[in-house]
Amino acid sequence: PDQLGCPTGILFDRHENLYVVDWGNNRVQKFDIDPDKNC
């Protein structure tokens, strides 16, 4: 689940999250991109 199968799109929201559409794994994966939270 840590790898993307066939990413086809991305979206950023106002809460500094990144969403990646992973067509190969039939899912949307959410990533928190706030550098202060990922120390």
PDB file of N, CA and C in Angstrom:
ATOM      1  N   PRO A   1       0.785  -1.218   0.000  1.00  0.00           N
ATOM      2  CA  PRO A   1       0.000   0.000   0.000  1.00  0.00           C
ATOM      3  C   PRO A   1       0.826   1.281   0.000  1.00  0.00           C
ATOM      4  N   ASP A   2       2.150   1.200   0.144  1.00  0.00           N
ATOM      5  CA  ASP A   2       2.973   2.407   0.126  1.00  0.00           C
ATOM      6  C   ASP A   2       3.382   2.814  -1.282  1.00  0.00           C
ATOM      7  N   GLN A   3       3.019   2.026  -2.277  1.00  0.00           N
ATOM      8  CA  GLN A   3       3.398   2.334  -3.648  1.00  0.00           C
ATOM      9  C   GLN A   3       2.166   2.664  -4.466  1.00  0.00           C
ATOM     10  N   LEU A   4       2.364   3.546  -5.443  1.00  0.00           N
ATOM     11  CA  LEU A   4       1.277   3.905  -6.343  1.00  0.00           C
ATOM     12  C   LEU A   4       1.336   3.002  -7.561  1.00  0.00           C
ATOM     13  N   GLY A   5       0.178   2.510  -7.985  1.00  0.00           N
ATOM     14  CA  GLY A   5       0.113   1.595  -9.123  1.00  0.00           C
ATOM     15  C   GLY A   5       0.128   2.315 -10.454  1.00  0.00           C
ATOM     16  N   CYS A   6      -0.676   3.345 -10.570  1.00  0.00           N
ATOM     17  CA  CYS A   6      -0.757   4.127 -11.802  1.00  0.00           C
ATOM     18  C   CYS A   6      -1.405   5.464 -11.448  1.00  0.00           C
ATOM     19  N   PRO A   7      -0.625   6.404 -10.879  1.00  0.00           N
ATOM     20  CA  PRO A   7      -1.208   7.679 -10.475  1.00  0.00           C
ATOM     21  C   PRO A   7      -1.682   8.477 -11.692  1.00  0.00           C
ATOM     22  N   THR A   8      -2.905   8.991 -11.609  1.00  0.00           N
ATOM     23  CA  THR A   8      -3.474   9.701 -12.753  1.00  0.00           C
ATOM     24  C   THR A   8      -3.903  11.125 -12.438  1.00  0.00           C
ATOM     25  N   GLY A   9      -3.854  11.538 -11.175  1.00  0.00           N
ATOM     26  CA  GLY A   9      -4.245  12.902 -10.845  1.00  0.00           C
ATOM     27  C   GLY A   9      -3.881  13.256  -9.426  1.00  0.00           C
ATOM     28  N   ILE A  10      -3.756  14.579  -9.173  1.00  0.00           N
ATOM     29  CA  ILE A  10      -3.453  15.058  -7.826  1.00  0.00           C
ATOM     30  C   ILE A  10      -4.363  16.235  -7.496  1.00  0.00           C
ATOM     31  N   LEU A  11      -4.559  16.451  -6.196  1.00  0.00           N
ATOM     32  CA  LEU A  11      -5.356  17.566  -5.710  1.00  0.00           C
ATOM     33  C   LEU A  11      -4.791  17.998  -4.365  1.00  0.00           C
ATOM     34  N   PHE A  12      -4.694  19.312  -4.150  1.00  0.00           N
ATOM     35  CA  PHE A  12      -4.324  19.872  -2.858  1.00  0.00           C
ATOM     36  C   PHE A  12      -5.564  20.519  -2.260  1.00  0.00           C
ATOM     37  N   ASP A  13      -5.777  20.323  -0.953  1.00  0.00           N
ATOM     38  CA  ASP A  13      -6.894  21.004  -0.306  1.00  0.00           C
ATOM     39  C   ASP A  13      -6.379  22.136   0.574  1.00  0.00           C
ATOM     40  N   ARG A  14      -7.293  22.876   1.159  1.00  0.00           N
ATOM     41  CA  ARG A  14      -6.915  24.048   1.957  1.00  0.00           C
ATOM     42  C   ARG A  14      -6.290  23.685   3.297  1.00  0.00           C
ATOM     43  N   HIS A  15      -6.303  22.408   3.657  1.00  0.00           N
ATOM     44  CA  HIS A  15      -5.724  21.949   4.917  1.00  0.00           C
ATOM     45  C   HIS A  15      -4.336  21.352   4.723  1.00  0.00           C
ATOM     46  N   GLU A  16      -3.709  21.654   3.595  1.00  0.00           N
ATOM     47  CA  GLU A  16      -2.355  21.192   3.262  1.00  0.00           C
ATOM     48  C   GLU A  16      -2.273  19.676   3.138  1.00  0.00           C
ATOM     49  N   ASN A  17      -3.302  19.075   2.572  1.00  0.00           N
ATOM     50  CA  ASN A  17      -3.291  17.650   2.268  1.00  0.00           C
ATOM     51  C   ASN A  17      -3.147  17.478   0.765  1.00  0.00           C
ATOM     52  N   LEU A  18      -2.476  16.434   0.391  1.00  0.00           N
ATOM     53  CA  LEU A  18      -2.310  16.077  -1.013  1.00  0.00           C
ATOM     54  C   LEU A  18      -3.073  14.780  -1.248  1.00  0.00           C
ATOM     55  N   TYR A  19      -3.902  14.752  -2.274  1.00  0.00           N
ATOM     56  CA  TYR A  19      -4.649  13.555  -2.649  1.00  0.00           C
ATOM     57  C   TYR A  19      -4.143  13.095  -4.007  1.00  0.00           C
ATOM     58  N   VAL A  20      -3.847  11.814  -4.123  1.00  0.00           N
ATOM     59  CA  VAL A  20      -3.374  11.241  -5.379  1.00  0.00           C
ATOM     60  C   VAL A  20      -4.362  10.172  -5.828  1.00  0.00           C
ATOM     61  N   VAL A  21      -4.858  10.328  -7.048  1.00  0.00           N
ATOM     62  CA  VAL A  21      -5.729   9.312  -7.638  1.00  0.00           C
ATOM     63  C   VAL A  21      -4.836   8.196  -8.154  1.00  0.00           C
ATOM     64  N   ASP A  22      -5.002   7.015  -7.588  1.00  0.00           N
ATOM     65  CA  ASP A  22      -4.186   5.851  -7.943  1.00  0.00           C
ATOM     66  C   ASP A  22      -5.068   4.860  -8.701  1.00  0.00           C
ATOM     67  N   TRP A  23      -5.114   5.006 -10.000  1.00  0.00           N
ATOM     68  CA  TRP A  23      -5.970   4.183 -10.852  1.00  0.00           C
ATOM     69  C   TRP A  23      -5.589   2.707 -10.782  1.00  0.00           C
ATOM     70  N   GLY A  24      -4.304   2.402 -10.710  1.00  0.00           N
ATOM     71  CA  GLY A  24      -3.843   1.017 -10.685  1.00  0.00           C
ATOM     72  C   GLY A  24      -4.264   0.244  -9.451  1.00  0.00           C
ATOM     73  N   ASN A  25      -4.467   0.942  -8.340  1.00  0.00           N
ATOM     74  CA  ASN A  25      -4.893   0.298  -7.088  1.00  0.00           C
ATOM     75  C   ASN A  25      -6.326   0.654  -6.705  1.00  0.00           C
ATOM     76  N   ASN A  26      -7.051   1.318  -7.592  1.00  0.00           N
ATOM     77  CA  ASN A  26      -8.462   1.678  -7.367  1.00  0.00           C
ATOM     78  C   ASN A  26      -8.673   2.411  -6.049  1.00  0.00           C
ATOM     79  N   ARG A  27      -7.923   3.499  -5.856  1.00  0.00           N
ATOM     80  CA  ARG A  27      -8.053   4.241  -4.604  1.00  0.00           C
ATOM     81  C   ARG A  27      -7.634   5.695  -4.794  1.00  0.00           C
ATOM     82  N   VAL A  28      -7.953   6.493  -3.804  1.00  0.00           N
ATOM     83  CA  VAL A  28      -7.424   7.844  -3.668  1.00  0.00           C
ATOM     84  C   VAL A  28      -6.617   7.837  -2.383  1.00  0.00           C
ATOM     85  N   GLN A  29      -5.353   8.208  -2.474  1.00  0.00           N
ATOM     86  CA  GLN A  29      -4.478   8.177  -1.303  1.00  0.00           C
ATOM     87  C   GLN A  29      -4.242   9.601  -0.810  1.00  0.00           C
ATOM     88  N   LYS A  30      -4.332   9.793   0.505  1.00  0.00           N
ATOM     89  CA  LYS A  30      -4.181  11.103   1.129  1.00  0.00           C
ATOM     90  C   LYS A  30      -2.819  11.204   1.803  1.00  0.00           C
ATOM     91  N   PHE A  31      -2.139  12.344   1.582  1.00  0.00           N
ATOM     92  CA  PHE A  31      -0.848  12.617   2.198  1.00  0.00           C
ATOM     93  C   PHE A  31      -0.919  13.959   2.904  1.00  0.00           C
ATOM     94  N   ASP A  32      -0.424  14.029   4.134  1.00  0.00           N
ATOM     95  CA  ASP A  32      -0.316  15.283   4.871  1.00  0.00           C
ATOM     96  C   ASP A  32       1.031  15.890   4.510  1.00  0.00           C
ATOM     97  N   ILE A  33       1.024  17.067   3.899  1.00  0.00           N
ATOM     98  CA  ILE A  33       2.283  17.654   3.436  1.00  0.00           C
ATOM     99  C   ILE A  33       2.754  18.810   4.313  1.00  0.00           C
ATOM    100  N   ASP A  34       2.164  18.992   5.489  1.00  0.00           N
ATOM    101  CA  ASP A  34       2.586  20.042   6.409  1.00  0.00           C
ATOM    102  C   ASP A  34       3.952  19.670   6.977  1.00  0.00           C
ATOM    103  N   PRO A  35       5.003  20.437   6.660  1.00  0.00           N
ATOM    104  CA  PRO A  35       6.354  20.068   7.115  1.00  0.00           C
ATOM    105  C   PRO A  35       6.504  20.063   8.634  1.00  0.00           C
ATOM    106  N   ASP A  36       5.701  20.848   9.351  1.00  0.00           N
ATOM    107  CA  ASP A  36       5.787  20.872  10.811  1.00  0.00           C
ATOM    108  C   ASP A  36       5.244  19.595  11.446  1.00  0.00           C
ATOM    109  N   LYS A  37       4.377  18.882  10.749  1.00  0.00           N
ATOM    110  CA  LYS A  37       3.801  17.644  11.267  1.00  0.00           C
ATOM    111  C   LYS A  37       4.633  16.421  10.908  1.00  0.00           C
ATOM    112  N   ASN A  38       5.561  16.559   9.970  1.00  0.00           N
ATOM    113  CA  ASN A  38       6.343  15.421   9.488  1.00  0.00           C
ATOM    114  C   ASN A  38       7.814  15.533   9.870  1.00  0.00           C
ATOM    115  N   CYS A  39       8.098  16.002  11.061  1.00  0.00           N
ATOM    116  CA  CYS A  39       9.493  16.170  11.497  1.00  0.00           C
ATOM    117  C   CYS A  39      10.167  14.845  11.746  1.00  0.00           C
TER     118      CYS A  39
END
